[in-house]
Amino acid sequence: MRETNNPAMMMDLYELTMANGYFLDPECQGTKVAFDVFYRRNPDEGGFAIFAGLEQIVDYLVNMNFSAEDVEYLRSLGQFDERFLHYLENFRFHGDVYAFPEGSIIYPNEPIITVVADITEAQLVETEILAQFNHQSLIATKAQRIVRAADGRAVSDFGARRAHNNDAAVYGARACIIGGVKGTATVLAGQRFDIPVSGTMAHSWVMLFEDELTAFRRFAGCYPHNCILLVDTYDVLNSGVPHAIQVFREMQQQGIRSRSYGIRIDSGDLAYLTKKARIMLDEAGFTDAKIIISNSLDEYTIQSILAQGGQVDAFGVGERMITARSEPVFGGVYKLCAVQRGEHWEPRIKISDTVEKTTNPGLKDVYRIYNDQGTAVADLITIAGEELDLEKPYRFIDPIRPWKQLYLENCTAKKMQFPAVKNGERCYAPEKLSDIAARVRQQLSREVWVEEQRFQNPHAHYLDMSPSYYEMKMELLAKNQ
């Protein structure tokens, strides 16, 4: 049994069987193809999603290799030609990757990532790309919904103990930061990604000592400048909060000025308890004491608590964020869109009786279209390299309702994909996690319609096609009927 994992081996077996077949078939050898990564619908019936995971995808691609131990294991399966196994021994990814910047607001059915590579290489990288894209984009999107519900109050990730495994906890914490969360309780994530880490006290601390007051005093003695006391072990209002107030008074009498102090409540009627606790703390003179709550929170419970007048300064959110419990599958897919024949790229399309599963074919450009106020009014798919002139009326075709006549002018367009990998080498500098999170905030505050940010019945962002692209797709559909 192997003790360490090689990310190159993170793939479905069919990728290897397909790659082996492509490698051995003379007509497939050296064929260059393009695959698009996209998703079909927003989680939780939301108006958008957030792209996360690009940094891990790029790191995987530029470092991808197979060890002798990996190849020997594949040989033991008895399914692969020795020439293919020798190819894997010397494997290196030589392809190109084009992607939206990490932290971009994204919408269904547009290519977030495009991989252009030899068919054998392109087939082998599918699973790991989707695993990173699907997981981190899902958690970042869920985290951002929770942050919006918190309405300016701090949100921290408390989810590691409920995550599906270590990687889910660590990369989930990273995605939470991209979504707008302020910090994490997961120490490894803090170390790896320079994320602020925070934590309070455990019920076990309170239960270990002979009484609650002693437990609070001992904790305050250890952590006088970060004294958040957990007040719900026995009785929040009749025991926990009064004992916390007593300890805060004792600290005050000793001349201790804590940088951060307050209480955390982890159970019960959180709206009611926080209102009562706030009154008690204020009447005792501790108006700057923070109230932090946790316990199975998500955007809906947070909205409800605040709508009821709950007095909360910060939220510690666990399993419902780190697992995206309400919608635990993002649904990103990896589909062939074009094959190179000589100097020409031939579009490819997957057709389905389920309309939304029919793919958008060919090499393409994606533009985000902005009005003169800087608001994104639509995304536009064009044929790759197609000239776009928005100074005069330009027809946008809605692929769902192509009979609609929509013309826009005096708009600006931003090409969404940038070259992330060329010839197997990274071609951009890694970004700080804080800069990626800032990109999300900037888009939501300046570019994205507030109607798209509603939790209920959000406005659907327009994904339109240029006339040339739409005509190409219709011709391909007719040809393949």
Protein backbone atom coordinates (compact mmCIF):
# COMPACT_ATOMS: atom_id res chain seq x y z
CA MET A 1 0.00 0.00 0.00
CA ARG A 2 1.32 3.43 -0.95
CA GLU A 3 1.66 5.85 1.95
CA THR A 4 1.59 9.10 -0.05
CA ASN A 5 -0.72 10.19 -2.85
CA ASN A 6 0.44 11.32 -6.28
CA PRO A 7 -2.16 13.75 -7.72
CA ALA A 8 -1.37 12.44 -11.22
CA MET A 9 -3.08 9.20 -10.24
CA MET A 10 -6.26 11.04 -9.27
CA MET A 11 -8.29 9.92 -12.28
CA ASP A 12 -11.05 7.61 -13.32
CA LEU A 13 -9.88 4.38 -14.92
CA TYR A 14 -11.66 5.23 -18.14
CA GLU A 15 -9.30 8.16 -18.66
CA LEU A 16 -6.40 5.71 -18.76
CA THR A 17 -8.18 3.25 -21.03
CA MET A 18 -9.17 6.08 -23.42
CA ALA A 19 -5.65 7.52 -23.32
CA ASN A 20 -4.13 4.09 -23.99
CA GLY A 21 -6.43 3.71 -26.98
CA TYR A 22 -5.63 7.17 -28.35
CA PHE A 23 -1.92 6.54 -27.91
CA LEU A 24 -2.03 3.29 -29.86
CA ASP A 25 -4.37 4.45 -32.66
CA PRO A 26 -2.33 5.92 -35.57
CA GLU A 27 -5.19 8.25 -36.53
CA CYS A 28 -5.34 9.70 -33.01
CA GLN A 29 -1.64 10.05 -32.27
CA GLY A 30 -0.65 13.69 -32.07
CA THR A 31 -4.22 14.94 -32.54
CA LYS A 32 -4.76 18.24 -30.78
CA VAL A 33 -8.13 18.86 -29.13
CA ALA A 34 -9.91 21.36 -26.93
CA PHE A 35 -12.02 20.54 -23.87
CA ASP A 36 -14.26 23.05 -22.07
CA VAL A 37 -14.98 23.01 -18.35
CA PHE A 38 -18.40 24.44 -17.51
CA TYR A 39 -21.39 23.82 -15.27
CA ARG A 40 -25.09 23.71 -16.01
CA ARG A 41 -26.91 25.42 -13.13
CA ASN A 42 -26.18 27.55 -10.09
CA PRO A 43 -26.25 25.90 -6.64
CA ASP A 44 -29.23 26.60 -4.38
CA GLU A 45 -31.13 28.14 -7.32
CA GLY A 46 -28.87 31.18 -6.99
CA GLY A 47 -28.16 33.84 -9.57
CA PHE A 48 -24.45 33.09 -10.01
CA ALA A 49 -21.50 31.06 -8.77
CA ILE A 50 -17.87 31.83 -7.89
CA PHE A 51 -14.91 30.23 -9.64
CA ALA A 52 -12.33 28.79 -7.26
CA GLY A 53 -9.57 26.19 -7.49
CA LEU A 54 -7.53 27.51 -10.43
CA GLU A 55 -4.28 27.72 -8.46
CA GLN A 56 -4.47 24.03 -7.51
CA ILE A 57 -5.35 23.06 -11.10
CA VAL A 58 -2.36 24.92 -12.54
CA ASP A 59 -0.02 23.51 -9.89
CA TYR A 60 -1.24 20.00 -10.69
CA LEU A 61 -0.75 20.39 -14.45
CA VAL A 62 2.74 21.86 -14.40
CA ASN A 63 3.98 19.22 -11.93
CA MET A 64 2.15 16.19 -13.28
CA ASN A 65 4.28 13.03 -13.52
CA PHE A 66 4.04 9.31 -12.87
CA SER A 67 6.50 7.53 -10.60
CA ALA A 68 7.93 4.08 -11.21
CA GLU A 69 5.62 2.84 -8.45
CA ASP A 70 2.61 4.35 -10.23
CA VAL A 71 3.51 2.76 -13.54
CA GLU A 72 4.13 -0.61 -11.90
CA TYR A 73 0.69 -0.48 -10.32
CA LEU A 74 -0.89 0.30 -13.70
CA ARG A 75 1.07 -2.56 -15.25
CA SER A 76 -0.38 -4.90 -12.62
CA LEU A 77 -3.90 -4.13 -13.86
CA GLY A 78 -3.09 -5.92 -17.12
CA GLN A 79 -4.97 -3.44 -19.30
CA PHE A 80 -2.29 -1.24 -20.80
CA ASP A 81 0.22 -1.60 -23.61
CA GLU A 82 3.88 -1.46 -22.59
CA ARG A 83 4.48 1.38 -25.05
CA PHE A 84 1.82 3.43 -23.28
CA LEU A 85 3.30 2.63 -19.87
CA HIS A 86 6.71 3.77 -21.09
CA TYR A 87 5.04 7.01 -22.28
CA LEU A 88 3.67 7.53 -18.76
CA GLU A 89 7.13 7.00 -17.25
CA ASN A 90 8.28 10.11 -19.13
CA PHE A 91 5.00 12.01 -18.99
CA ARG A 92 4.80 15.77 -18.85
CA PHE A 93 1.82 17.98 -19.66
CA HIS A 94 2.61 20.11 -22.74
CA GLY A 95 -0.79 21.69 -23.30
CA ASP A 96 -2.32 25.14 -22.95
CA VAL A 97 -4.97 26.23 -20.47
CA TYR A 98 -7.19 29.29 -20.74
CA ALA A 99 -9.29 30.24 -17.75
CA PHE A 100 -11.36 32.90 -16.07
CA PRO A 101 -9.41 34.62 -13.27
CA GLU A 102 -9.95 32.83 -9.98
CA GLY A 103 -12.63 34.59 -7.97
CA SER A 104 -14.64 35.48 -11.08
CA ILE A 105 -18.41 35.54 -10.89
CA ILE A 106 -19.49 32.79 -13.28
CA TYR A 107 -22.68 31.60 -14.93
CA PRO A 108 -23.94 28.30 -16.37
CA ASN A 109 -22.93 26.97 -19.79
CA GLU A 110 -19.96 29.24 -20.43
CA PRO A 111 -16.43 27.76 -20.64
CA ILE A 112 -14.69 28.69 -17.39
CA ILE A 113 -11.59 26.68 -18.34
CA THR A 114 -10.46 25.47 -21.77
CA VAL A 115 -7.74 22.85 -22.11
CA VAL A 116 -5.97 22.65 -25.47
CA ALA A 117 -3.60 19.70 -25.75
CA ASP A 118 -2.76 16.41 -27.39
CA ILE A 119 -5.79 14.13 -27.01
CA THR A 120 -3.90 11.70 -24.76
CA GLU A 121 -2.75 14.46 -22.40
CA ALA A 122 -6.12 16.19 -22.43
CA GLN A 123 -7.90 12.97 -21.48
CA LEU A 124 -5.64 12.18 -18.54
CA VAL A 125 -6.22 15.46 -16.67
CA GLU A 126 -10.03 15.46 -16.55
CA THR A 127 -10.77 14.13 -13.07
CA GLU A 128 -8.36 16.27 -11.06
CA ILE A 129 -9.39 19.44 -12.90
CA LEU A 130 -13.06 18.73 -12.21
CA ALA A 131 -12.42 17.70 -8.61
CA GLN A 132 -10.74 21.01 -7.82
CA PHE A 133 -13.15 23.12 -9.88
CA ASN A 134 -16.29 21.47 -8.54
CA HIS A 135 -15.33 21.38 -4.87
CA GLN A 136 -13.81 24.81 -4.40
CA SER A 137 -16.33 26.61 -6.63
CA LEU A 138 -19.17 24.99 -4.70
CA ILE A 139 -17.80 25.95 -1.28
CA ALA A 140 -16.84 29.49 -2.35
CA THR A 141 -20.36 30.01 -3.71
CA LYS A 142 -22.00 28.69 -0.54
CA ALA A 143 -19.68 30.76 1.66
CA GLN A 144 -20.54 33.91 -0.26
CA ARG A 145 -24.26 33.31 0.25
CA ILE A 146 -23.66 32.96 3.99
CA VAL A 147 -21.51 36.11 4.05
CA ARG A 148 -24.26 38.06 2.27
CA ALA A 149 -26.81 36.82 4.79
CA ALA A 150 -24.56 37.98 7.64
CA ASP A 151 -24.98 41.54 6.32
CA GLY A 152 -21.56 42.91 7.21
CA ARG A 153 -20.95 40.78 10.30
CA ALA A 154 -17.85 38.60 10.34
CA VAL A 155 -18.15 34.93 9.35
CA SER A 156 -15.53 32.31 10.29
CA ASP A 157 -15.14 28.76 9.04
CA PHE A 158 -15.66 26.27 11.88
CA GLY A 159 -16.18 23.25 9.62
CA ALA A 160 -13.08 21.03 9.66
CA ARG A 161 -14.50 18.39 12.01
CA ARG A 162 -17.53 17.94 9.75
CA ALA A 163 -15.70 18.12 6.40
CA HIS A 164 -15.58 14.97 4.31
CA ASN A 165 -11.82 14.54 4.80
CA ASN A 166 -8.63 16.52 5.42
CA ASP A 167 -8.35 17.90 1.89
CA ALA A 168 -12.00 18.94 1.96
CA ALA A 169 -11.36 20.85 5.17
CA VAL A 170 -8.18 22.57 3.99
CA TYR A 171 -9.21 23.43 0.43
CA GLY A 172 -12.71 24.15 1.67
CA ALA A 173 -11.28 26.75 4.06
CA ARG A 174 -9.41 28.30 1.14
CA ALA A 175 -12.62 28.45 -0.88
CA CYS A 176 -14.47 29.98 2.07
CA ILE A 177 -11.98 32.85 2.13
CA ILE A 178 -12.55 33.42 -1.59
CA GLY A 179 -16.26 33.56 -0.82
CA GLY A 180 -15.74 36.31 1.75
CA VAL A 181 -15.23 34.50 5.05
CA LYS A 182 -12.80 36.30 7.37
CA GLY A 183 -10.92 33.37 8.89
CA THR A 184 -10.85 29.68 9.71
CA ALA A 185 -10.42 27.44 12.72
CA THR A 186 -8.43 24.98 10.56
CA VAL A 187 -4.77 25.43 11.48
CA LEU A 188 -3.36 23.60 8.45
CA ALA A 189 -5.32 25.88 6.12
CA GLY A 190 -3.99 28.88 7.98
CA GLN A 191 -0.44 27.62 7.60
CA ARG A 192 -0.70 26.65 3.93
CA PHE A 193 -2.65 29.62 2.62
CA ASP A 194 -1.83 32.39 5.10
CA ILE A 195 -5.45 32.49 6.28
CA PRO A 196 -6.25 34.18 9.62
CA VAL A 197 -6.99 31.48 12.21
CA SER A 198 -9.27 31.86 15.19
CA GLY A 199 -10.90 29.77 17.88
CA THR A 200 -12.66 30.09 21.20
CA MET A 201 -13.14 27.50 23.94
CA ALA A 202 -14.67 24.03 24.08
CA HIS A 203 -17.51 22.68 26.18
CA SER A 204 -15.00 20.15 27.51
CA TRP A 205 -13.01 22.99 29.11
CA VAL A 206 -16.08 24.12 31.03
CA MET A 207 -17.02 20.56 31.98
CA LEU A 208 -13.51 19.67 33.19
CA PHE A 209 -13.51 22.14 36.09
CA GLU A 210 -15.64 21.86 39.23
CA ASP A 211 -17.88 24.73 38.16
CA GLU A 212 -18.45 27.10 35.25
CA LEU A 213 -17.12 30.21 36.99
CA THR A 214 -13.81 28.51 37.75
CA ALA A 215 -13.56 27.36 34.13
CA PHE A 216 -14.13 30.90 32.87
CA ARG A 217 -11.57 32.33 35.30
CA ARG A 218 -8.93 29.80 34.26
CA PHE A 219 -9.56 30.52 30.59
CA ALA A 220 -9.35 34.27 31.13
CA GLY A 221 -6.06 33.73 32.93
CA CYS A 222 -4.64 31.89 29.93
CA TYR A 223 -6.09 34.15 27.24
CA PRO A 224 -6.77 37.59 28.71
CA HIS A 225 -6.50 39.35 25.34
CA ASN A 226 -8.73 36.94 23.42
CA CYS A 227 -11.34 36.00 25.97
CA ILE A 228 -14.43 34.60 24.25
CA LEU A 229 -16.35 32.53 26.81
CA LEU A 230 -18.65 29.69 25.77
CA VAL A 231 -21.79 30.26 27.83
CA ASP A 232 -24.22 27.50 26.84
CA THR A 233 -22.75 24.45 28.59
CA TYR A 234 -25.30 24.60 31.42
CA ASP A 235 -27.71 27.55 31.26
CA VAL A 236 -27.04 30.55 29.01
CA LEU A 237 -29.03 33.26 30.79
CA ASN A 238 -29.05 32.03 34.38
CA SER A 239 -25.47 30.82 34.56
CA GLY A 240 -23.30 31.38 31.50
CA VAL A 241 -23.80 35.09 30.84
CA PRO A 242 -23.78 36.10 34.56
CA HIS A 243 -20.54 34.18 35.11
CA ALA A 244 -19.01 35.75 32.00
CA ILE A 245 -19.95 39.21 33.27
CA GLN A 246 -18.37 38.41 36.63
CA VAL A 247 -15.11 37.38 34.96
CA PHE A 248 -15.12 40.49 32.74
CA ARG A 249 -15.55 42.64 35.88
CA GLU A 250 -12.66 40.89 37.58
CA MET A 251 -10.47 41.46 34.51
CA GLN A 252 -11.50 45.11 34.51
CA GLN A 253 -10.61 45.46 38.19
CA GLN A 254 -7.20 43.95 37.48
CA GLY A 255 -6.57 46.56 34.76
CA ILE A 256 -6.71 44.01 31.94
CA ARG A 257 -7.86 45.59 28.67
CA SER A 258 -8.70 42.71 26.38
CA ARG A 259 -8.30 43.21 22.64
CA SER A 260 -11.23 40.89 22.03
CA TYR A 261 -13.69 39.62 24.58
CA GLY A 262 -17.25 38.42 24.68
CA ILE A 263 -19.38 35.30 24.63
CA ARG A 264 -20.23 32.49 22.26
CA ILE A 265 -23.56 30.67 22.19
CA ASP A 266 -23.67 27.30 20.43
CA SER A 267 -27.19 26.03 21.11
CA GLY A 268 -30.74 26.98 21.88
CA ASP A 269 -32.99 29.72 20.49
CA LEU A 270 -30.18 31.89 19.18
CA ALA A 271 -32.31 34.91 18.28
CA TYR A 272 -33.92 35.04 21.73
CA LEU A 273 -30.75 34.25 23.66
CA THR A 274 -28.61 36.84 21.88
CA LYS A 275 -31.18 39.58 22.49
CA LYS A 276 -31.34 38.78 26.20
CA ALA A 277 -27.55 38.39 26.47
CA ARG A 278 -27.00 41.75 24.78
CA ILE A 279 -29.22 43.49 27.31
CA MET A 280 -27.39 41.81 30.20
CA LEU A 281 -23.95 42.70 28.87
CA ASP A 282 -24.94 46.30 28.13
CA GLU A 283 -26.54 46.82 31.54
CA ALA A 284 -23.33 45.53 33.12
CA GLY A 285 -21.35 48.13 31.19
CA PHE A 286 -19.80 45.76 28.68
CA THR A 287 -21.27 47.33 25.55
CA ASP A 288 -18.24 46.36 23.47
CA ALA A 289 -18.35 42.69 24.42
CA LYS A 290 -18.91 40.59 21.31
CA ILE A 291 -21.64 38.00 20.85
CA ILE A 292 -20.64 35.14 18.57
CA ILE A 293 -22.97 32.31 17.62
CA SER A 294 -22.46 28.93 16.01
CA ASN A 295 -24.47 25.68 15.64
CA SER A 296 -25.64 24.46 12.20
CA LEU A 297 -25.84 27.90 10.62
CA ASP A 298 -26.40 28.71 6.96
CA GLU A 299 -27.69 31.68 4.99
CA TYR A 300 -31.31 30.93 5.86
CA THR A 301 -30.87 30.46 9.61
CA ILE A 302 -28.67 33.57 9.73
CA GLN A 303 -31.26 35.62 7.87
CA SER A 304 -33.97 34.37 10.21
CA ILE A 305 -31.97 35.16 13.36
CA LEU A 306 -31.21 38.68 12.19
CA ALA A 307 -34.79 39.27 11.01
CA GLN A 308 -35.95 38.41 14.53
CA GLY A 309 -33.66 41.05 15.96
CA GLY A 310 -30.87 38.71 17.03
CA GLN A 311 -27.91 40.60 18.45
CA VAL A 312 -24.91 38.99 16.77
CA ASP A 313 -21.45 40.35 16.05
CA ALA A 314 -19.96 37.31 14.31
CA PHE A 315 -20.90 33.84 13.10
CA GLY A 316 -18.94 30.60 13.31
CA VAL A 317 -20.28 28.43 10.50
CA GLY A 318 -19.51 24.73 10.31
CA GLU A 319 -20.92 21.78 8.40
CA ARG A 320 -23.49 23.59 6.31
CA MET A 321 -20.78 25.71 4.70
CA ILE A 322 -17.81 23.34 4.49
CA THR A 323 -20.02 20.62 2.93
CA ALA A 324 -22.45 22.94 1.12
CA ARG A 325 -25.06 20.73 2.75
CA SER A 326 -28.11 22.16 0.95
CA GLU A 327 -26.61 21.47 -2.50
CA PRO A 328 -23.51 19.29 -2.21
CA VAL A 329 -22.79 18.83 -5.95
CA PHE A 330 -21.60 21.62 -8.24
CA GLY A 331 -22.01 19.65 -11.47
CA GLY A 332 -19.07 20.92 -13.51
CA VAL A 333 -18.29 18.86 -16.63
CA TYR A 334 -15.38 18.45 -19.06
CA LYS A 335 -16.50 18.19 -22.68
CA LEU A 336 -14.70 17.96 -26.01
CA CYS A 337 -15.50 21.05 -28.08
CA ALA A 338 -13.02 21.05 -30.98
CA VAL A 339 -10.51 18.88 -32.88
CA GLN A 340 -7.63 20.24 -34.91
CA ARG A 341 -7.32 19.05 -38.51
CA GLY A 342 -4.25 20.55 -40.10
CA GLU A 343 -4.46 24.30 -39.48
CA HIS A 344 -8.23 24.20 -39.03
CA TRP A 345 -10.21 23.55 -35.86
CA GLU A 346 -13.37 21.51 -36.38
CA PRO A 347 -16.13 22.11 -33.81
CA ARG A 348 -17.63 19.16 -31.96
CA ILE A 349 -21.00 19.03 -30.22
CA LYS A 350 -22.73 16.65 -27.83
CA ILE A 351 -26.45 16.50 -28.55
CA SER A 352 -29.01 15.41 -25.99
CA ASP A 353 -32.78 15.17 -25.75
CA THR A 354 -32.26 17.14 -22.55
CA VAL A 355 -31.75 20.59 -24.04
CA GLU A 356 -29.43 21.87 -21.31
CA LYS A 357 -27.08 18.92 -21.93
CA THR A 358 -26.44 19.92 -25.54
CA THR A 359 -23.00 21.52 -25.48
CA ASN A 360 -21.68 24.73 -26.99
CA PRO A 361 -19.24 23.63 -29.72
CA GLY A 362 -15.98 24.94 -31.07
CA LEU A 363 -13.18 27.21 -29.95
CA LYS A 364 -14.81 30.29 -28.54
CA ASP A 365 -14.27 33.56 -26.74
CA VAL A 366 -16.39 34.66 -23.79
CA TYR A 367 -16.94 38.35 -23.15
CA ARG A 368 -18.58 40.09 -20.23
CA ILE A 369 -20.57 43.04 -21.54
CA TYR A 370 -20.86 46.22 -19.44
CA ASN A 371 -23.16 49.21 -19.78
CA ASP A 372 -21.93 52.78 -19.32
CA GLN A 373 -22.49 52.48 -15.54
CA GLY A 374 -20.07 49.55 -15.36
CA THR A 375 -22.78 46.97 -14.68
CA ALA A 376 -22.49 43.58 -16.39
CA VAL A 377 -25.59 43.27 -18.57
CA ALA A 378 -24.75 39.96 -20.28
CA ASP A 379 -22.08 37.45 -21.17
CA LEU A 380 -21.48 36.83 -24.87
CA ILE A 381 -20.06 33.75 -26.61
CA THR A 382 -18.36 34.35 -29.96
CA ILE A 383 -16.28 32.28 -32.35
CA ALA A 384 -12.65 32.45 -31.23
CA GLY A 385 -10.98 35.50 -32.72
CA GLU A 386 -14.24 37.00 -33.97
CA GLU A 387 -14.17 40.80 -34.17
CA LEU A 388 -16.54 42.49 -31.73
CA ASP A 389 -17.65 46.08 -32.38
CA LEU A 390 -20.00 47.44 -29.74
CA GLU A 391 -19.82 51.08 -30.76
CA LYS A 392 -22.71 50.48 -33.14
CA PRO A 393 -25.83 48.33 -32.59
CA TYR A 394 -24.77 44.72 -32.17
CA ARG A 395 -27.21 41.84 -32.21
CA PHE A 396 -27.15 39.54 -29.19
CA ILE A 397 -28.89 36.19 -29.75
CA ASP A 398 -30.54 34.51 -26.79
CA PRO A 399 -30.02 30.77 -27.49
CA ILE A 400 -33.13 29.89 -25.48
CA ARG A 401 -35.33 32.50 -27.22
CA PRO A 402 -33.54 33.19 -30.52
CA TRP A 403 -36.54 35.06 -31.96
CA LYS A 404 -35.96 37.96 -29.57
CA GLN A 405 -34.39 40.99 -31.22
CA LEU A 406 -31.81 42.43 -28.80
CA TYR A 407 -29.36 45.06 -29.95
CA LEU A 408 -26.82 46.73 -27.65
CA GLU A 409 -24.44 49.57 -28.41
CA ASN A 410 -21.99 51.84 -26.61
CA CYS A 411 -21.06 48.98 -24.33
CA THR A 412 -17.66 47.72 -23.29
CA ALA A 413 -16.53 44.11 -23.44
CA LYS A 414 -14.01 42.22 -21.31
CA LYS A 415 -12.61 38.92 -22.55
CA MET A 416 -13.01 36.55 -19.63
CA GLN A 417 -10.42 33.85 -20.31
CA PHE A 418 -6.68 34.49 -20.00
CA PRO A 419 -3.74 32.16 -20.74
CA ALA A 420 -2.89 30.36 -17.50
CA VAL A 421 -0.64 27.63 -18.92
CA LYS A 422 1.31 27.61 -22.19
CA ASN A 423 3.23 24.57 -23.39
CA GLY A 424 2.85 23.03 -19.95
CA GLU A 425 4.34 26.01 -18.11
CA ARG A 426 2.61 28.46 -15.80
CA CYS A 427 2.41 31.88 -17.44
CA TYR A 428 1.06 34.05 -14.65
CA ALA A 429 2.20 34.79 -11.12
CA PRO A 430 0.29 33.09 -8.29
CA GLU A 431 -2.20 35.46 -6.71
CA LYS A 432 -2.62 36.20 -3.04
CA LEU A 433 -5.74 34.66 -1.58
CA SER A 434 -6.73 38.09 -0.26
CA ASP A 435 -6.59 39.50 -3.80
CA ILE A 436 -8.81 36.72 -5.12
CA ALA A 437 -11.34 37.41 -2.36
CA ALA A 438 -11.16 41.14 -3.13
CA ARG A 439 -12.00 40.37 -6.77
CA VAL A 440 -15.23 38.71 -5.63
CA ARG A 441 -16.17 41.69 -3.45
CA GLN A 442 -15.42 44.15 -6.24
CA GLN A 443 -17.63 42.35 -8.75
CA LEU A 444 -20.55 41.99 -6.35
CA SER A 445 -20.39 45.62 -5.25
CA ARG A 446 -19.89 47.20 -8.67
CA GLU A 447 -20.69 44.86 -11.54
CA VAL A 448 -23.36 42.30 -10.67
CA TRP A 449 -27.02 43.35 -10.63
CA VAL A 450 -28.45 43.31 -7.11
CA GLU A 451 -31.37 41.39 -8.61
CA GLU A 452 -28.96 38.54 -9.42
CA GLN A 453 -27.91 38.45 -5.76
CA ARG A 454 -31.34 37.64 -4.36
CA PHE A 455 -31.66 34.31 -2.55
CA GLN A 456 -35.19 33.81 -3.86
CA ASN A 457 -36.03 34.04 -7.58
CA PRO A 458 -32.86 35.85 -8.65
CA HIS A 459 -32.67 37.50 -12.04
CA ALA A 460 -31.15 35.12 -14.60
CA HIS A 461 -27.96 36.53 -16.12
CA TYR A 462 -28.07 36.65 -19.91
CA LEU A 463 -25.70 34.31 -21.74
CA ASP A 464 -26.02 35.31 -25.39
CA MET A 465 -24.32 34.33 -28.62
CA SER A 466 -22.96 36.33 -31.51
CA PRO A 467 -24.88 35.81 -34.79
CA SER A 468 -21.87 34.00 -36.28
CA TYR A 469 -21.51 31.65 -33.33
CA TYR A 470 -25.23 30.91 -33.16
CA GLU A 471 -25.32 30.14 -36.90
CA MET A 472 -22.34 27.79 -36.55
CA LYS A 473 -24.02 25.92 -33.71
CA MET A 474 -27.32 25.59 -35.60
CA GLU A 475 -25.51 24.26 -38.70
CA LEU A 476 -23.71 21.69 -36.57
CA LEU A 477 -26.96 20.61 -34.92
CA ALA A 478 -28.64 20.20 -38.30
CA LYS A 479 -25.68 18.26 -39.66
CA ASN A 480 -25.76 15.78 -36.78
CA GLN A 481 -29.48 15.09 -36.73
